Amino acid sequence: MIYVPRKDFVLLRTKPKGVTKAGLTFPDQAGESRDWFVERCGPEVTDLKVGDKVMVTGTFGVDVAQVLGETSLFITKANNILLTIEGD
C-alpha cells in the first residue's frame, strides 16, 4: 500500500535502536527508544527530505499517530519534528 501525506504532514518509519545484524533487539533498549526516518513528505514540507533521520516530539495518539495496520509507520505534522540528525 502507498501512503501519501497531505499538506504539512510527514510519514515516518521507525527502527528500534540496538538491533543486531541478525535482527535481534537488546532488551534494555527495547520500547520507546527508536530511530526515526522520513519516509514521505506532504507537498507543503520543504525543509525535510526522504531518508532524513529526525528527532520527534509530541504525544503518541494525539500529535504522532501510528498508521493502521503498520507497526513501524507513523504520521505527524512537520512542526513536531525538532531537528535532523547528521553524521550518526
C-alpha atoms as a PDB file:
ATOM      1  CA  MET A   1       0.000   0.000   0.000  1.00  0.00           C
ATOM      2  CA  ILE A   2       1.216   3.528  -0.766  1.00  0.00           C
ATOM      3  CA  TYR A   3       0.670   6.243   1.841  1.00  0.00           C
ATOM      4  CA  VAL A   4       0.769   9.865   0.638  1.00  0.00           C
ATOM      5  CA  PRO A   5       0.874  12.552   3.354  1.00  0.00           C
ATOM      6  CA  ARG A   6      -1.239  15.665   2.758  1.00  0.00           C
ATOM      7  CA  LYS A   7      -0.304  19.312   3.281  1.00  0.00           C
ATOM      8  CA  ASP A   8       2.298  19.670   6.069  1.00  0.00           C
ATOM      9  CA  PHE A   9       2.254  16.077   7.301  1.00  0.00           C
ATOM     10  CA  VAL A  10       5.257  13.748   7.337  1.00  0.00           C
ATOM     11  CA  LEU A  11       5.242   9.951   7.176  1.00  0.00           C
ATOM     12  CA  LEU A  12       7.935   8.475   9.438  1.00  0.00           C
ATOM     13  CA  ARG A  13       9.401   4.985   9.651  1.00  0.00           C
ATOM     14  CA  THR A  14      10.908   3.774  12.915  1.00  0.00           C
ATOM     15  CA  LYS A  15      13.706   1.367  13.557  1.00  0.00           C
ATOM     16  CA  PRO A  16      14.474   0.161  17.095  1.00  0.00           C
ATOM     17  CA  LYS A  17      17.879   1.163  18.416  1.00  0.00           C
ATOM     18  CA  GLY A  18      20.223  -1.620  19.433  1.00  0.00           C
ATOM     19  CA  VAL A  19      19.264  -4.056  16.683  1.00  0.00           C
ATOM     20  CA  THR A  20      21.971  -6.540  15.739  1.00  0.00           C
ATOM     21  CA  LYS A  21      22.748  -7.515  12.153  1.00  0.00           C
ATOM     22  CA  ALA A  22      20.722 -10.672  12.789  1.00  0.00           C
ATOM     23  CA  GLY A  23      17.675  -8.533  13.685  1.00  0.00           C
ATOM     24  CA  LEU A  24      17.717  -9.118  17.460  1.00  0.00           C
ATOM     25  CA  THR A  25      16.814  -6.214  19.774  1.00  0.00           C
ATOM     26  CA  PHE A  26      18.631  -5.825  23.073  1.00  0.00           C
ATOM     27  CA  PRO A  27      16.041  -5.974  25.916  1.00  0.00           C
ATOM     28  CA  ASP A  28      17.423  -2.923  27.761  1.00  0.00           C
ATOM     29  CA  GLN A  29      16.971  -0.860  24.598  1.00  0.00           C
ATOM     30  CA  ALA A  30      13.531  -2.093  23.579  1.00  0.00           C
ATOM     31  CA  GLY A  31      10.402   0.014  23.864  1.00  0.00           C
ATOM     32  CA  GLU A  32      10.294   3.753  23.189  1.00  0.00           C
ATOM     33  CA  SER A  33      13.934   4.024  22.117  1.00  0.00           C
ATOM     34  CA  ARG A  34      13.758   4.291  18.322  1.00  0.00           C
ATOM     35  CA  ASP A  35      15.425   5.927  15.381  1.00  0.00           C
ATOM     36  CA  TRP A  36      13.011   7.946  13.207  1.00  0.00           C
ATOM     37  CA  PHE A  37      13.427   8.362   9.443  1.00  0.00           C
ATOM     38  CA  VAL A  38      11.405  10.450   6.977  1.00  0.00           C
ATOM     39  CA  GLU A  39       9.588   8.117   4.600  1.00  0.00           C
ATOM     40  CA  ARG A  40       7.485  10.679   2.652  1.00  0.00           C
ATOM     41  CA  CYS A  41       6.603  14.362   2.959  1.00  0.00           C
ATOM     42  CA  GLY A  42       3.437  16.279   2.158  1.00  0.00           C
ATOM     43  CA  PRO A  43       3.622  18.985  -0.543  1.00  0.00           C
ATOM     44  CA  GLU A  44       3.942  21.857   1.962  1.00  0.00           C
ATOM     45  CA  VAL A  45       7.018  20.354   3.684  1.00  0.00           C
ATOM     46  CA  THR A  46      10.114  21.988   2.205  1.00  0.00           C
ATOM     47  CA  ASP A  47      12.825  21.576   4.859  1.00  0.00           C
ATOM     48  CA  LEU A  48      12.851  17.756   5.122  1.00  0.00           C
ATOM     49  CA  LYS A  49      13.648  15.029   2.634  1.00  0.00           C
ATOM     50  CA  VAL A  50      13.146  11.287   2.393  1.00  0.00           C
ATOM     51  CA  GLY A  51      15.790   9.448   4.407  1.00  0.00           C
ATOM     52  CA  ASP A  52      16.434  12.236   6.945  1.00  0.00           C
ATOM     53  CA  LYS A  53      16.992  10.903  10.450  1.00  0.00           C
ATOM     54  CA  VAL A  54      14.961  13.107  12.814  1.00  0.00           C
ATOM     55  CA  MET A  55      14.012  13.744  16.434  1.00  0.00           C
ATOM     56  CA  VAL A  56      10.239  13.870  17.033  1.00  0.00           C
ATOM     57  CA  THR A  57       8.232  15.483  19.824  1.00  0.00           C
ATOM     58  CA  GLY A  58       4.585  15.090  20.725  1.00  0.00           C
ATOM     59  CA  THR A  59       2.127  12.778  22.430  1.00  0.00           C
ATOM     60  CA  PHE A  60       1.569   9.404  20.801  1.00  0.00           C
ATOM     61  CA  GLY A  61      -2.024   9.030  19.709  1.00  0.00           C
ATOM     62  CA  VAL A  62      -2.510  12.811  19.625  1.00  0.00           C
ATOM     63  CA  ASP A  63       0.401  14.519  17.846  1.00  0.00           C
ATOM     64  CA  VAL A  64       2.025  11.382  16.450  1.00  0.00           C
ATOM     65  CA  ALA A  65      -0.297   8.668  15.134  1.00  0.00           C
ATOM     66  CA  GLN A  66       0.536   5.116  14.116  1.00  0.00           C
ATOM     67  CA  VAL A  67      -0.629   4.175  10.621  1.00  0.00           C
ATOM     68  CA  LEU A  68      -3.306   1.486  10.998  1.00  0.00           C
ATOM     69  CA  GLY A  69      -2.014  -1.997  10.245  1.00  0.00           C
ATOM     70  CA  GLU A  70       1.627  -0.877  10.217  1.00  0.00           C
ATOM     71  CA  THR A  71       3.981  -1.471  13.134  1.00  0.00           C
ATOM     72  CA  SER A  72       6.725   0.934  12.106  1.00  0.00           C
ATOM     73  CA  LEU A  73       4.909   3.744  10.224  1.00  0.00           C
ATOM     74  CA  PHE A  74       3.761   6.928  11.934  1.00  0.00           C
ATOM     75  CA  ILE A  75       2.332  10.245  10.722  1.00  0.00           C
ATOM     76  CA  THR A  76       2.827  13.670  12.284  1.00  0.00           C
ATOM     77  CA  LYS A  77       2.821  17.343  11.373  1.00  0.00           C
ATOM     78  CA  ALA A  78       6.170  18.710  10.224  1.00  0.00           C
ATOM     79  CA  ASN A  79       6.317  21.140  13.174  1.00  0.00           C
ATOM     80  CA  ASN A  80       6.564  18.118  15.552  1.00  0.00           C
ATOM     81  CA  ILE A  81       9.985  17.345  14.103  1.00  0.00           C
ATOM     82  CA  LEU A  82      12.548  19.169  16.229  1.00  0.00           C
ATOM     83  CA  LEU A  83      15.736  18.512  14.288  1.00  0.00           C
ATOM     84  CA  THR A  84      17.529  16.363  11.757  1.00  0.00           C
ATOM     85  CA  ILE A  85      20.422  14.179  12.894  1.00  0.00           C
ATOM     86  CA  GLU A  86      23.537  14.151  10.734  1.00  0.00           C
ATOM     87  CA  GLY A  87      26.717  12.099  10.894  1.00  0.00           C
ATOM     88  CA  ASP A  88      25.428   9.291  13.111  1.00  0.00           C
END
